[in-house]
Structure formats: structure tokens, C-alpha cells
């Protein structure tokens, strides 16, 4: 049985709430054990000692693997004791066996979020609740600890976007390391900035395109305006039409705009698969 507020007993019914959801607030160390397991009896007190010493820095969730076989199967537990560390709902590290205290300390030091990461996580949570002022303060505090912290940079940029400060958001994203700028999250934010609503009059642009279907500049502008209003399909249709009429227009502006739309929507969005297929048909016909 759990012996402190930082040590909890978890089963299949409570796992989602206490471990997956709970790890968004505090990292959760999950200990798969069984009453008959000798090494488990050795490891358990060591884990409890370390967790209690951290005074809320991490929660220890104890799972009886005999009584909760589905969880063991789901997380690939092949032997016990097995320890998994959850952060933000995901397994970030694990070990098997009754490691000595010194080895467990090294595991925790390596795997637990840094001070900057904790601050960034708090910023993300505040932003989700709409507290952009509080989120901004947390992201800035994280960047004081680590000026290159990717999640803090991305979070701060998103806060500025939410506040309508797009130029500041672009400047903040400029602090990303080159390889981090290629992350899907970064590309999504950059694409959203590209398609931010600039007040273009969709009705006037539609009339302009109807009056002169060969006005590809107007088509591009219309496509961007539609996507800014979350009218994704008609917006991407305009980009496809530009590509059909002139692939090289403004240095392949139609294709580039379509790819930016893909970045914004994300690779798992069904529209991306549909329009990638349409793009391939045009390019290779």
C-alpha cells in the first residue's frame, strides 16, 4: 500500500487518470511489481525513499502486474520489476531489474525534465487554459534558464500569435536552432503565421478571379485569405489551379503555398493526403 502522498497504488481503471493525465502535471514513475517477486521487494523501498526525498518532484505509481496484466502487455513488460517514467502522458525512459540506488539516481537525473522544461510545461498548461500572460512569464523564465529551449521558444511564439503579435512571434522563432526549425511543430507555427488573416476581402478577390481567371497573383491571395478563414479545401483548390496554369509562376509560388498549407494542417490530416494526391496528379501528368 502507498505510504505517502507521492506514492500511489494504481490499477487498470485508474491508470489513465493517475498516470497518463497526472504526468502532465508531475512526472510519474511507474513500478510494475508482484508479491512473489524477490527483486521487487528490494527495489520498492529504494524507489519510495528516492521519491519521498524529491518531495513532489515525481510521483511513484505502484502497479501489481499479476492483478493488472493488460497494462503490462500494453507497455511491453517482459520481466519485473520494471520501471517506466511518464512525462506529458508518454513513456520517456525505462529500466528493468533491481538497480542500486546510485544507478536509479542517475536514471532520474538523466530522464526527469530540467528546470527549463518544467517551466515550459507549466507555460503550456497555462496557455491551454487561456492564461496567456501567465504562460508568457513561464516561457520567458524557461528561456532564462536555457535560451535555446525549443518548447519554450515555440510556446512563447504561439502566445504572441494568440495575442495578435505576429511579428514578435516570427522574431522569437528566429531563435530556433536550424535542426529544431524542421520539427513538425515549428513548421506548423510558421505556416500559421504565413496564413494569418491580413484583412483581405474574400468577396472582392473572388470577383477579381472570376473577372480574370488568369490573374494568378489574385488566385494566390484568394487561396491564402480562404485558408486564413479556415476554408482549407477552397483555399488549396486555388493553389492547385495556379500550379495547373503555370507551375513556375513566381518561383513555384502555388506549390510552395500548398506545401505550407500541408505543414499547417499536419501530416495526419486527411485533407493533406487528398491534396498530395491531387498535386502529384498535376505534376506528373
C-alpha atoms as a PDB file:
ATOM      1  CA  UNK A   1       0.000   0.000   0.000  1.00  0.00           C
ATOM      2  CA  UNK A   2       1.070   3.583  -0.648  1.00  0.00           C
ATOM      3  CA  UNK A   3       2.712   5.260   2.341  1.00  0.00           C
ATOM      4  CA  UNK A   4       2.877   8.943   1.318  1.00  0.00           C
ATOM      5  CA  UNK A   5       1.067  11.413  -0.904  1.00  0.00           C
ATOM      6  CA  UNK A   6       3.811  10.956  -3.507  1.00  0.00           C
ATOM      7  CA  UNK A   7       3.317   7.174  -3.645  1.00  0.00           C
ATOM      8  CA  UNK A   8       0.082   5.794  -5.067  1.00  0.00           C
ATOM      9  CA  UNK A   9      -1.407   2.415  -5.922  1.00  0.00           C
ATOM     10  CA  UNK A  10      -2.714   2.246  -9.484  1.00  0.00           C
ATOM     11  CA  UNK A  11      -4.781  -0.310 -11.384  1.00  0.00           C
ATOM     12  CA  UNK A  12      -6.194  -0.598 -14.886  1.00  0.00           C
ATOM     13  CA  UNK A  13      -9.198   1.585 -14.046  1.00  0.00           C
ATOM     14  CA  UNK A  14      -7.226   4.444 -12.503  1.00  0.00           C
ATOM     15  CA  UNK A  15      -4.186   4.300 -14.805  1.00  0.00           C
ATOM     16  CA  UNK A  16      -5.386   6.845 -17.366  1.00  0.00           C
ATOM     17  CA  UNK A  17      -6.293   9.467 -14.770  1.00  0.00           C
ATOM     18  CA  UNK A  18      -3.425   8.975 -12.326  1.00  0.00           C
ATOM     19  CA  UNK A  19      -0.576   8.202 -14.725  1.00  0.00           C
ATOM     20  CA  UNK A  20      -1.358   9.472 -18.223  1.00  0.00           C
ATOM     21  CA  UNK A  21      -3.243  12.600 -17.148  1.00  0.00           C
ATOM     22  CA  UNK A  22      -1.281  13.044 -13.935  1.00  0.00           C
ATOM     23  CA  UNK A  23       2.059  13.078 -15.740  1.00  0.00           C
ATOM     24  CA  UNK A  24       1.028  16.318 -17.457  1.00  0.00           C
ATOM     25  CA  UNK A  25       1.364  17.971 -14.046  1.00  0.00           C
ATOM     26  CA  UNK A  26       4.124  15.914 -12.386  1.00  0.00           C
ATOM     27  CA  UNK A  27       6.370  13.165 -13.839  1.00  0.00           C
ATOM     28  CA  UNK A  28       5.143   9.697 -12.819  1.00  0.00           C
ATOM     29  CA  UNK A  29       7.482   6.780 -12.122  1.00  0.00           C
ATOM     30  CA  UNK A  30       5.538   3.536 -12.653  1.00  0.00           C
ATOM     31  CA  UNK A  31       6.761   0.440 -10.793  1.00  0.00           C
ATOM     32  CA  UNK A  32       5.441  -2.893 -12.110  1.00  0.00           C
ATOM     33  CA  UNK A  33       5.832  -5.429  -9.282  1.00  0.00           C
ATOM     34  CA  UNK A  34       4.297  -8.606  -7.820  1.00  0.00           C
ATOM     35  CA  UNK A  35       4.127 -10.007  -4.263  1.00  0.00           C
ATOM     36  CA  UNK A  36       6.123 -13.130  -5.167  1.00  0.00           C
ATOM     37  CA  UNK A  37       8.970 -11.167  -6.820  1.00  0.00           C
ATOM     38  CA  UNK A  38      12.102 -11.008  -4.624  1.00  0.00           C
ATOM     39  CA  UNK A  39      13.886  -8.251  -6.595  1.00  0.00           C
ATOM     40  CA  UNK A  40      10.651  -6.209  -6.414  1.00  0.00           C
ATOM     41  CA  UNK A  41      10.846  -6.276  -2.620  1.00  0.00           C
ATOM     42  CA  UNK A  42      14.405  -4.970  -2.869  1.00  0.00           C
ATOM     43  CA  UNK A  43      13.658  -2.234  -5.407  1.00  0.00           C
ATOM     44  CA  UNK A  44      10.388  -0.951  -3.942  1.00  0.00           C
ATOM     45  CA  UNK A  45      11.777   0.623  -0.746  1.00  0.00           C
ATOM     46  CA  UNK A  46      14.615   2.244  -2.703  1.00  0.00           C
ATOM     47  CA  UNK A  47      12.177   3.872  -5.130  1.00  0.00           C
ATOM     48  CA  UNK A  48       9.989   5.042  -2.259  1.00  0.00           C
ATOM     49  CA  UNK A  49      12.974   6.553  -0.443  1.00  0.00           C
ATOM     50  CA  UNK A  50      14.104   8.488  -3.517  1.00  0.00           C
ATOM     51  CA  UNK A  51      10.607   9.685  -4.417  1.00  0.00           C
ATOM     52  CA  UNK A  52       9.892  10.888  -0.890  1.00  0.00           C
ATOM     53  CA  UNK A  53      13.241  12.705  -0.845  1.00  0.00           C
ATOM     54  CA  UNK A  54      12.242  14.577  -4.018  1.00  0.00           C
ATOM     55  CA  UNK A  55       9.228  15.989  -2.147  1.00  0.00           C
ATOM     56  CA  UNK A  56       6.806  16.170  -5.058  1.00  0.00           C
ATOM     57  CA  UNK A  57       9.283  16.300  -7.918  1.00  0.00           C
ATOM     58  CA  UNK A  58       7.989  12.936  -9.110  1.00  0.00           C
ATOM     59  CA  UNK A  59       5.120  10.585  -8.196  1.00  0.00           C
ATOM     60  CA  UNK A  60       5.627   6.839  -7.732  1.00  0.00           C
ATOM     61  CA  UNK A  61       2.751   4.726  -9.089  1.00  0.00           C
ATOM     62  CA  UNK A  62       2.854   1.084  -7.993  1.00  0.00           C
ATOM     63  CA  UNK A  63       1.112  -1.475 -10.215  1.00  0.00           C
ATOM     64  CA  UNK A  64       0.620  -5.108  -9.219  1.00  0.00           C
ATOM     65  CA  UNK A  65       1.384  -6.826 -12.529  1.00  0.00           C
ATOM     66  CA  UNK A  66      -0.491 -10.004 -11.554  1.00  0.00           C
ATOM     67  CA  UNK A  67      -3.703  -8.075 -10.979  1.00  0.00           C
ATOM     68  CA  UNK A  68      -3.271  -5.764 -13.988  1.00  0.00           C
ATOM     69  CA  UNK A  69      -1.939  -7.918 -16.844  1.00  0.00           C
ATOM     70  CA  UNK A  70      -3.393  -5.718 -19.581  1.00  0.00           C
ATOM     71  CA  UNK A  71      -1.168  -2.796 -18.592  1.00  0.00           C
ATOM     72  CA  UNK A  72       1.905  -4.997 -18.566  1.00  0.00           C
ATOM     73  CA  UNK A  73       1.096  -6.259 -22.046  1.00  0.00           C
ATOM     74  CA  UNK A  74       0.304  -2.788 -23.358  1.00  0.00           C
ATOM     75  CA  UNK A  75       3.670  -1.419 -22.236  1.00  0.00           C
ATOM     76  CA  UNK A  76       5.757  -4.420 -23.230  1.00  0.00           C
ATOM     77  CA  UNK A  77       6.647  -5.596 -19.720  1.00  0.00           C
ATOM     78  CA  UNK A  78       8.556  -8.869 -20.119  1.00  0.00           C
ATOM     79  CA  UNK A  79      10.091  -9.106 -16.658  1.00  0.00           C
ATOM     80  CA  UNK A  80       9.683  -7.478 -13.260  1.00  0.00           C
ATOM     81  CA  UNK A  81      10.496  -5.301 -11.518  1.00  0.00           C
ATOM     82  CA  UNK A  82      10.056  -2.925 -14.450  1.00  0.00           C
ATOM     83  CA  UNK A  83      10.047   0.845 -14.041  1.00  0.00           C
ATOM     84  CA  UNK A  84       8.691   3.328 -16.614  1.00  0.00           C
ATOM     85  CA  UNK A  85       8.900   7.108 -16.414  1.00  0.00           C
ATOM     86  CA  UNK A  86       5.928   9.039 -17.832  1.00  0.00           C
ATOM     87  CA  UNK A  87       6.109  12.722 -18.735  1.00  0.00           C
ATOM     88  CA  UNK A  88       3.286  14.547 -20.554  1.00  0.00           C
ATOM     89  CA  UNK A  89       1.416  11.271 -21.000  1.00  0.00           C
ATOM     90  CA  UNK A  90       4.311   9.476 -22.718  1.00  0.00           C
ATOM     91  CA  UNK A  91       6.964   6.960 -21.651  1.00  0.00           C
ATOM     92  CA  UNK A  92      10.267   8.842 -21.798  1.00  0.00           C
ATOM     93  CA  UNK A  93      12.542   6.178 -20.264  1.00  0.00           C
ATOM     94  CA  UNK A  94      12.515   2.803 -18.516  1.00  0.00           C
ATOM     95  CA  UNK A  95      14.641   0.183 -16.786  1.00  0.00           C
ATOM     96  CA  UNK A  96      14.228  -3.416 -15.649  1.00  0.00           C
ATOM     97  CA  UNK A  97      15.628  -5.090 -12.548  1.00  0.00           C
ATOM     98  CA  UNK A  98      16.533  -4.064  -9.014  1.00  0.00           C
ATOM     99  CA  UNK A  99      19.096  -1.366  -9.770  1.00  0.00           C
ATOM    100  CA  UNK A 100      21.150   0.044  -6.900  1.00  0.00           C
ATOM    101  CA  UNK A 101      20.207   3.440  -5.502  1.00  0.00           C
ATOM    102  CA  UNK A 102      23.109   5.203  -7.248  1.00  0.00           C
ATOM    103  CA  UNK A 103      22.016   3.874 -10.653  1.00  0.00           C
ATOM    104  CA  UNK A 104      18.412   4.933 -10.058  1.00  0.00           C
ATOM    105  CA  UNK A 105      19.584   8.425  -9.110  1.00  0.00           C
ATOM    106  CA  UNK A 106      21.481   8.647 -12.409  1.00  0.00           C
ATOM    107  CA  UNK A 107      18.394   7.401 -14.264  1.00  0.00           C
ATOM    108  CA  UNK A 108      16.231  10.094 -12.685  1.00  0.00           C
ATOM    109  CA  UNK A 109      18.810  12.850 -13.206  1.00  0.00           C
ATOM    110  CA  UNK A 110      19.053  11.906 -16.886  1.00  0.00           C
ATOM    111  CA  UNK A 111      15.368  11.363 -17.557  1.00  0.00           C
ATOM    112  CA  UNK A 112      13.448  13.882 -15.466  1.00  0.00           C
ATOM    113  CA  UNK A 113      12.645  17.243 -17.033  1.00  0.00           C
ATOM    114  CA  UNK A 114      15.152  20.042 -16.453  1.00  0.00           C
ATOM    115  CA  UNK A 115      14.140  23.230 -14.644  1.00  0.00           C
ATOM    116  CA  UNK A 116      13.654  24.889 -18.040  1.00  0.00           C
ATOM    117  CA  UNK A 117      11.484  22.008 -19.232  1.00  0.00           C
ATOM    118  CA  UNK A 118       9.331  22.154 -16.088  1.00  0.00           C
ATOM    119  CA  UNK A 119       8.793  25.879 -16.608  1.00  0.00           C
ATOM    120  CA  UNK A 120       7.929  25.297 -20.271  1.00  0.00           C
ATOM    121  CA  UNK A 121       5.437  22.572 -19.324  1.00  0.00           C
ATOM    122  CA  UNK A 122       3.797  24.961 -16.865  1.00  0.00           C
ATOM    123  CA  UNK A 123       3.629  27.556 -19.634  1.00  0.00           C
ATOM    124  CA  UNK A 124       1.937  25.085 -21.966  1.00  0.00           C
ATOM    125  CA  UNK A 125      -0.640  24.223 -19.295  1.00  0.00           C
ATOM    126  CA  UNK A 126      -1.406  27.906 -18.652  1.00  0.00           C
ATOM    127  CA  UNK A 127      -1.733  28.609 -22.383  1.00  0.00           C
ATOM    128  CA  UNK A 128      -4.211  25.738 -22.741  1.00  0.00           C
ATOM    129  CA  UNK A 129      -6.341  27.385 -20.072  1.00  0.00           C
ATOM    130  CA  UNK A 130      -6.184  30.722 -21.873  1.00  0.00           C
ATOM    131  CA  UNK A 131      -3.884  32.379 -19.326  1.00  0.00           C
ATOM    132  CA  UNK A 132      -1.527  33.863 -21.916  1.00  0.00           C
ATOM    133  CA  UNK A 133       0.009  36.362 -19.503  1.00  0.00           C
ATOM    134  CA  UNK A 134       0.967  33.595 -17.084  1.00  0.00           C
ATOM    135  CA  UNK A 135       2.148  31.353 -19.914  1.00  0.00           C
ATOM    136  CA  UNK A 136       4.327  34.120 -21.318  1.00  0.00           C
ATOM    137  CA  UNK A 137       6.006  34.580 -17.929  1.00  0.00           C
ATOM    138  CA  UNK A 138       6.731  30.851 -17.618  1.00  0.00           C
ATOM    139  CA  UNK A 139       8.167  30.577 -21.131  1.00  0.00           C
ATOM    140  CA  UNK A 140      10.393  33.599 -20.520  1.00  0.00           C
ATOM    141  CA  UNK A 141      11.585  32.099 -17.240  1.00  0.00           C
ATOM    142  CA  UNK A 142      12.395  28.853 -19.062  1.00  0.00           C
ATOM    143  CA  UNK A 143      14.415  30.749 -21.665  1.00  0.00           C
ATOM    144  CA  UNK A 144      16.381  32.487 -18.922  1.00  0.00           C
ATOM    145  CA  UNK A 145      17.471  29.017 -17.792  1.00  0.00           C
ATOM    146  CA  UNK A 146      18.040  27.738 -21.329  1.00  0.00           C
ATOM    147  CA  UNK A 147      17.927  30.333 -24.156  1.00  0.00           C
ATOM    148  CA  UNK A 148      17.704  27.574 -26.787  1.00  0.00           C
ATOM    149  CA  UNK A 149      14.924  25.566 -25.148  1.00  0.00           C
ATOM    150  CA  UNK A 150      12.803  24.547 -28.119  1.00  0.00           C
ATOM    151  CA  UNK A 151       9.445  24.030 -26.393  1.00  0.00           C
ATOM    152  CA  UNK A 152       9.753  27.378 -24.606  1.00  0.00           C
ATOM    153  CA  UNK A 153      10.535  29.155 -27.888  1.00  0.00           C
ATOM    154  CA  UNK A 154       7.606  27.505 -29.660  1.00  0.00           C
ATOM    155  CA  UNK A 155       5.275  28.162 -26.741  1.00  0.00           C
ATOM    156  CA  UNK A 156       6.244  31.822 -26.485  1.00  0.00           C
ATOM    157  CA  UNK A 157       5.738  32.252 -30.235  1.00  0.00           C
ATOM    158  CA  UNK A 158       2.263  30.708 -30.006  1.00  0.00           C
ATOM    159  CA  UNK A 159       1.338  33.007 -27.118  1.00  0.00           C
ATOM    160  CA  UNK A 160       2.341  36.042 -29.177  1.00  0.00           C
ATOM    161  CA  UNK A 161       0.262  34.723 -32.085  1.00  0.00           C
ATOM    162  CA  UNK A 162      -2.738  34.298 -29.787  1.00  0.00           C
ATOM    163  CA  UNK A 163      -2.279  37.912 -28.713  1.00  0.00           C
ATOM    164  CA  UNK A 164      -2.117  39.074 -32.342  1.00  0.00           C
ATOM    165  CA  UNK A 165       1.589  39.910 -32.185  1.00  0.00           C
ATOM    166  CA  UNK A 166       2.684  38.062 -35.305  1.00  0.00           C
ATOM    167  CA  UNK A 167       5.892  39.988 -35.950  1.00  0.00           C
ATOM    168  CA  UNK A 168       7.086  39.264 -32.415  1.00  0.00           C
ATOM    169  CA  UNK A 169       6.213  35.594 -32.955  1.00  0.00           C
ATOM    170  CA  UNK A 170       8.318  35.481 -36.125  1.00  0.00           C
ATOM    171  CA  UNK A 171      11.244  37.098 -34.313  1.00  0.00           C
ATOM    172  CA  UNK A 172      11.023  34.560 -31.480  1.00  0.00           C
ATOM    173  CA  UNK A 173      11.012  31.641 -33.923  1.00  0.00           C
ATOM    174  CA  UNK A 174      14.258  33.019 -35.329  1.00  0.00           C
ATOM    175  CA  UNK A 175      15.934  31.798 -32.124  1.00  0.00           C
ATOM    176  CA  UNK A 176      15.326  28.159 -33.031  1.00  0.00           C
ATOM    177  CA  UNK A 177      18.378  26.078 -33.875  1.00  0.00           C
ATOM    178  CA  UNK A 178      18.327  25.127 -37.603  1.00  0.00           C
ATOM    179  CA  UNK A 179      17.513  21.475 -36.933  1.00  0.00           C
ATOM    180  CA  UNK A 180      14.739  22.406 -34.482  1.00  0.00           C
ATOM    181  CA  UNK A 181      13.117  24.662 -37.086  1.00  0.00           C
ATOM    182  CA  UNK A 182      12.485  21.482 -39.106  1.00  0.00           C
ATOM    183  CA  UNK A 183      10.351  19.931 -36.368  1.00  0.00           C
ATOM    184  CA  UNK A 184       6.696  19.457 -37.398  1.00  0.00           C
ATOM    185  CA  UNK A 185       5.506  21.702 -34.539  1.00  0.00           C
ATOM    186  CA  UNK A 186       7.783  24.520 -35.691  1.00  0.00           C
ATOM    187  CA  UNK A 187       6.693  24.155 -39.318  1.00  0.00           C
ATOM    188  CA  UNK A 188       3.057  24.248 -38.247  1.00  0.00           C
ATOM    189  CA  UNK A 189       3.522  27.522 -36.356  1.00  0.00           C
ATOM    190  CA  UNK A 190       5.478  29.088 -39.221  1.00  0.00           C
ATOM    191  CA  UNK A 191       2.771  28.045 -41.674  1.00  0.00           C
ATOM    192  CA  UNK A 192       0.043  29.514 -39.470  1.00  0.00           C
ATOM    193  CA  UNK A 193       1.922  32.788 -39.400  1.00  0.00           C
ATOM    194  CA  UNK A 194       2.079  32.707 -43.189  1.00  0.00           C
ATOM    195  CA  UNK A 195      -1.687  32.311 -43.448  1.00  0.00           C
ATOM    196  CA  UNK A 196      -2.667  34.729 -40.692  1.00  0.00           C
ATOM    197  CA  UNK A 197      -5.692  36.773 -41.698  1.00  0.00           C
ATOM    198  CA  UNK A 198      -4.442  40.112 -43.051  1.00  0.00           C
ATOM    199  CA  UNK A 199      -7.935  41.506 -43.577  1.00  0.00           C
ATOM    200  CA  UNK A 200      -8.146  40.576 -47.256  1.00  0.00           C
ATOM    201  CA  UNK A 201     -11.680  40.838 -48.673  1.00  0.00           C
ATOM    202  CA  UNK A 202     -12.519  37.342 -49.926  1.00  0.00           C
ATOM    203  CA  UNK A 203     -15.554  38.562 -51.855  1.00  0.00           C
ATOM    204  CA  UNK A 204     -13.543  41.143 -53.794  1.00  0.00           C
ATOM    205  CA  UNK A 205     -10.790  38.618 -54.528  1.00  0.00           C
ATOM    206  CA  UNK A 206     -13.328  36.080 -55.795  1.00  0.00           C
ATOM    207  CA  UNK A 207     -14.811  38.672 -58.153  1.00  0.00           C
ATOM    208  CA  UNK A 208     -11.320  39.583 -59.314  1.00  0.00           C
ATOM    209  CA  UNK A 209     -10.508  35.955 -60.124  1.00  0.00           C
ATOM    210  CA  UNK A 210     -13.870  35.448 -61.855  1.00  0.00           C
ATOM    211  CA  UNK A 211     -13.266  38.535 -63.987  1.00  0.00           C
ATOM    212  CA  UNK A 212      -9.776  37.343 -64.946  1.00  0.00           C
ATOM    213  CA  UNK A 213      -9.139  33.631 -64.271  1.00  0.00           C
ATOM    214  CA  UNK A 214      -5.539  34.090 -65.472  1.00  0.00           C
ATOM    215  CA  UNK A 215      -4.718  36.526 -62.661  1.00  0.00           C
ATOM    216  CA  UNK A 216      -2.561  34.095 -60.702  1.00  0.00           C
ATOM    217  CA  UNK A 217      -1.493  36.679 -58.137  1.00  0.00           C
ATOM    218  CA  UNK A 218      -5.140  37.185 -57.217  1.00  0.00           C
ATOM    219  CA  UNK A 219      -5.623  33.416 -57.018  1.00  0.00           C
ATOM    220  CA  UNK A 220      -2.712  33.088 -54.605  1.00  0.00           C
ATOM    221  CA  UNK A 221      -4.031  35.918 -52.481  1.00  0.00           C
ATOM    222  CA  UNK A 222      -7.516  34.386 -52.506  1.00  0.00           C
ATOM    223  CA  UNK A 223      -6.141  30.988 -51.504  1.00  0.00           C
ATOM    224  CA  UNK A 224      -4.256  32.482 -48.559  1.00  0.00           C
ATOM    225  CA  UNK A 225      -7.283  34.502 -47.457  1.00  0.00           C
ATOM    226  CA  UNK A 226      -9.530  31.427 -47.575  1.00  0.00           C
ATOM    227  CA  UNK A 227      -7.105  29.355 -45.515  1.00  0.00           C
ATOM    228  CA  UNK A 228      -6.763  32.185 -43.000  1.00  0.00           C
ATOM    229  CA  UNK A 229     -10.539  31.808 -42.548  1.00  0.00           C
ATOM    230  CA  UNK A 230     -10.108  28.012 -42.167  1.00  0.00           C
ATOM    231  CA  UNK A 231     -11.712  27.358 -45.569  1.00  0.00           C
ATOM    232  CA  UNK A 232      -8.987  24.857 -46.357  1.00  0.00           C
ATOM    233  CA  UNK A 233     -10.345  22.992 -49.373  1.00  0.00           C
ATOM    234  CA  UNK A 234     -11.322  26.028 -51.481  1.00  0.00           C
ATOM    235  CA  UNK A 235      -8.057  27.683 -50.472  1.00  0.00           C
ATOM    236  CA  UNK A 236      -5.936  24.733 -51.574  1.00  0.00           C
ATOM    237  CA  UNK A 237      -8.025  24.432 -54.742  1.00  0.00           C
ATOM    238  CA  UNK A 238      -6.824  27.921 -55.679  1.00  0.00           C
ATOM    239  CA  UNK A 239      -3.196  26.875 -55.188  1.00  0.00           C
ATOM    240  CA  UNK A 240      -3.754  23.798 -57.361  1.00  0.00           C
ATOM    241  CA  UNK A 241      -5.279  25.983 -60.079  1.00  0.00           C
ATOM    242  CA  UNK A 242      -2.194  28.218 -60.025  1.00  0.00           C
ATOM    243  CA  UNK A 243       0.010  25.134 -60.452  1.00  0.00           C
ATOM    244  CA  UNK A 244      -2.158  23.846 -63.324  1.00  0.00           C
ATOM    245  CA  UNK A 245      -1.970  27.152 -65.167  1.00  0.00           C
ATOM    246  CA  UNK A 246       1.713  27.916 -64.548  1.00  0.00           C
ATOM    247  CA  UNK A 247       3.892  25.699 -62.363  1.00  0.00           C
ATOM    248  CA  UNK A 248       6.757  28.190 -62.389  1.00  0.00           C
ATOM    249  CA  UNK A 249       4.696  31.286 -61.535  1.00  0.00           C
ATOM    250  CA  UNK A 250       6.580  33.445 -59.008  1.00  0.00           C
ATOM    251  CA  UNK A 251       9.179  30.712 -58.459  1.00  0.00           C
ATOM    252  CA  UNK A 252       6.602  27.931 -57.927  1.00  0.00           C
ATOM    253  CA  UNK A 253       4.544  30.035 -55.524  1.00  0.00           C
ATOM    254  CA  UNK A 254       1.484  27.795 -55.943  1.00  0.00           C
ATOM    255  CA  UNK A 255       3.328  24.625 -54.965  1.00  0.00           C
ATOM    256  CA  UNK A 256       5.102  26.351 -52.064  1.00  0.00           C
ATOM    257  CA  UNK A 257       1.824  27.749 -50.730  1.00  0.00           C
ATOM    258  CA  UNK A 258       0.233  24.305 -50.916  1.00  0.00           C
ATOM    259  CA  UNK A 259       3.142  22.734 -49.016  1.00  0.00           C
ATOM    260  CA  UNK A 260       2.836  25.433 -46.359  1.00  0.00           C
ATOM    261  CA  UNK A 261      -0.836  24.544 -46.021  1.00  0.00           C
ATOM    262  CA  UNK A 262       0.172  20.892 -45.550  1.00  0.00           C
ATOM    263  CA  UNK A 263       2.599  21.915 -42.793  1.00  0.00           C
ATOM    264  CA  UNK A 264      -0.136  23.869 -41.044  1.00  0.00           C
ATOM    265  CA  UNK A 265      -2.707  21.073 -41.218  1.00  0.00           C
ATOM    266  CA  UNK A 266      -0.253  18.323 -40.204  1.00  0.00           C
ATOM    267  CA  UNK A 267       0.661  15.094 -41.972  1.00  0.00           C
ATOM    268  CA  UNK A 268      -2.137  13.070 -40.346  1.00  0.00           C
ATOM    269  CA  UNK A 269      -4.917  15.337 -41.618  1.00  0.00           C
ATOM    270  CA  UNK A 270      -6.982  13.503 -44.288  1.00  0.00           C
ATOM    271  CA  UNK A 271      -7.048  16.663 -46.423  1.00  0.00           C
ATOM    272  CA  UNK A 272      -3.265  16.543 -46.698  1.00  0.00           C
ATOM    273  CA  UNK A 273      -3.360  13.025 -48.142  1.00  0.00           C
ATOM    274  CA  UNK A 274      -6.111  14.025 -50.571  1.00  0.00           C
ATOM    275  CA  UNK A 275      -4.355  17.140 -51.816  1.00  0.00           C
ATOM    276  CA  UNK A 276      -0.941  15.479 -52.018  1.00  0.00           C
ATOM    277  CA  UNK A 277      -2.538  13.020 -54.412  1.00  0.00           C
ATOM    278  CA  UNK A 278      -4.062  15.868 -56.441  1.00  0.00           C
ATOM    279  CA  UNK A 279      -0.704  17.655 -56.539  1.00  0.00           C
ATOM    280  CA  UNK A 280       1.064  14.511 -57.758  1.00  0.00           C
ATOM    281  CA  UNK A 281      -1.534  14.049 -60.487  1.00  0.00           C
ATOM    282  CA  UNK A 282      -0.893  17.583 -61.761  1.00  0.00           C
ATOM    283  CA  UNK A 283       2.902  17.423 -61.522  1.00  0.00           C
ATOM    284  CA  UNK A 284       3.277  14.028 -63.165  1.00  0.00           C
ATOM    285  CA  UNK A 285       0.504  14.160 -65.752  1.00  0.00           C
END
